[in-house]
Protein backbone atom coordinates (compact mmCIF):
# COMPACT_ATOMS: atom_id res chain seq x y z
CA MET A 1 -0.02 0.04 -0.11
CA PRO A 2 1.53 3.32 -1.11
CA ALA A 3 2.23 5.74 1.84
CA LYS A 4 -0.58 8.40 2.34
CA ARG A 5 0.88 11.94 0.90
CA PRO A 6 0.24 14.95 3.14
CA PRO A 7 -2.27 17.41 1.97
CA LEU A 8 -1.09 20.46 0.02
CA VAL A 9 -0.78 23.58 2.22
CA THR A 10 -1.37 26.99 0.58
CA PRO A 11 1.74 29.03 0.40
CA ASP A 12 0.46 31.35 3.17
CA GLY A 13 -0.04 28.34 5.51
CA ARG A 14 -3.83 29.20 6.06
CA TYR A 15 -5.34 26.21 4.35
CA ILE A 16 -4.95 22.58 3.44
CA VAL A 17 -6.34 21.30 0.30
CA VAL A 18 -8.35 18.04 0.50
CA ARG A 19 -9.98 16.95 -2.96
CA GLY A 20 -9.73 20.34 -4.26
CA ARG A 21 -11.35 22.20 -1.34
CA LEU A 22 -9.64 24.55 1.06
CA TRP A 23 -10.01 23.70 4.87
CA ARG A 24 -8.39 26.16 7.40
CA ALA A 25 -5.23 24.98 8.90
CA ALA A 26 -4.61 25.14 12.62
CA ASN A 27 -3.14 28.30 13.90
CA PRO A 28 0.50 28.11 13.52
CA ALA A 29 0.95 30.51 16.49
CA LEU A 30 -0.31 27.64 18.89
CA PRO A 31 2.62 26.26 21.14
CA GLU A 32 3.33 22.85 19.79
CA ALA A 33 2.30 21.01 23.12
CA GLU A 34 -1.04 22.85 23.19
CA ARG A 35 -1.66 21.98 19.52
CA GLU A 36 -0.82 18.32 20.16
CA ARG A 37 -3.15 18.21 23.22
CA LEU A 38 -5.91 19.59 21.21
CA VAL A 39 -5.35 17.28 18.38
CA VAL A 40 -5.48 14.31 20.70
CA GLY A 41 -8.82 15.57 22.04
CA LEU A 42 -10.09 16.12 18.57
CA MET A 43 -9.33 12.63 17.64
CA ASP A 44 -10.74 11.21 20.95
CA ALA A 45 -14.00 13.13 20.04
CA ARG A 46 -14.11 12.05 16.57
CA ARG A 47 -13.77 8.45 17.86
CA ALA A 48 -16.56 9.11 20.26
CA VAL A 49 -18.86 10.38 17.53
CA ALA A 50 -18.26 7.04 15.60
CA ALA A 51 -18.84 4.95 18.72
CA ALA A 52 -22.12 6.84 19.57
CA ARG A 53 -23.37 6.41 15.99
CA ARG A 54 -22.58 2.49 16.11
CA ALA A 55 -24.45 2.54 19.40
CA SER A 56 -27.37 4.82 18.00
CA ASP A 57 -26.84 7.04 20.92
CA ARG A 58 -27.94 10.46 19.79
CA ASP A 59 -27.22 12.13 23.16
CA ALA A 60 -23.84 10.71 23.17
CA GLU A 61 -23.26 11.72 19.47
CA ALA A 62 -24.31 15.29 19.89
CA THR A 63 -22.08 15.64 23.03
CA ALA A 64 -19.24 14.29 20.94
CA HIS A 65 -19.99 16.67 18.19
CA MET A 66 -19.83 19.48 20.67
CA VAL A 67 -16.41 18.33 21.77
CA VAL A 68 -15.17 18.05 18.09
CA ASP A 69 -16.34 21.70 17.55
CA HIS A 70 -14.74 22.96 20.75
CA ALA A 71 -11.45 21.47 19.68
CA LYS A 72 -11.60 22.76 16.16
CA ARG A 73 -12.35 26.30 17.42
CA ALA A 74 -9.41 26.08 19.84
CA LEU A 75 -7.16 24.97 17.02
CA GLY A 76 -8.45 28.01 14.97
CA GLU A 77 -9.76 25.56 12.22
CA ARG A 78 -13.37 27.06 12.93
CA GLY A 79 -14.66 30.27 14.23
CA ALA A 80 -12.81 33.72 14.01
CA VAL A 81 -9.68 33.41 11.67
CA TRP A 82 -6.37 33.47 13.26
CA TRP A 83 -4.81 35.83 10.72
CA SER A 84 -5.16 39.56 11.14
CA ASP A 85 -4.55 41.20 7.58
CA GLY A 86 -8.33 41.17 6.89
CA ALA A 87 -8.11 38.47 4.23
CA PRO A 88 -11.46 36.80 3.81
CA ASP A 89 -12.05 33.17 5.18
CA LEU A 90 -12.22 30.75 2.18
CA ASN A 91 -12.67 27.74 4.17
CA ARG A 92 -14.54 25.04 2.27
CA HIS A 93 -14.28 26.91 -1.05
CA MET A 94 -13.07 24.92 -3.93
CA ALA A 95 -9.23 26.12 -4.38
CA ARG A 96 -9.93 26.58 -8.31
CA THR A 97 -12.40 29.37 -7.48
CA THR A 98 -10.30 31.37 -4.98
CA PRO A 99 -7.33 33.60 -5.24
CA TYR A 100 -5.17 30.29 -4.79
CA ALA A 101 -6.53 29.00 -8.23
CA GLU A 102 -3.16 29.65 -10.04
CA TRP A 103 -1.27 28.17 -7.19
CA TYR A 104 -3.38 25.17 -6.95
CA ARG A 105 -3.33 24.51 -10.74
CA SER A 106 0.57 24.62 -10.86
CA ALA A 107 0.68 22.32 -7.86
CA THR A 108 -1.49 19.87 -9.07
CA GLU A 109 -0.97 19.66 -12.81
CA PRO A 110 0.86 16.50 -14.04
CA GLU A 111 3.75 18.64 -15.50
CA ALA A 112 4.21 20.43 -12.07
CA ALA A 113 4.68 17.07 -10.33
CA GLU A 114 7.23 15.73 -12.93
CA ARG A 115 9.20 19.09 -12.45
CA SER A 116 9.62 18.61 -8.77
């Protein structure tokens, strides 16, 4: 099985690209220990969502979703943007329809991959 490639990251580090869509990256100003703690909590909460779904426990699922949301907000992936230059939040936009379109095209076209 081939190794999973890390997602593309926009040149400004604000987004990762998954299947052509921009997703807000974690705030790089977070101390590494805090980021790791939040990511561990996020993964635990996502597992709790899955377990609650398997158990058909709607209350537990709703609680787990709230924990996921809290972790993602603390990471800076949801809520107010973590940058301060006034740039809009393009979270969930297709990369090809944003100001990142040219960068995305050059990063994903086959010729660009061969040149790297």
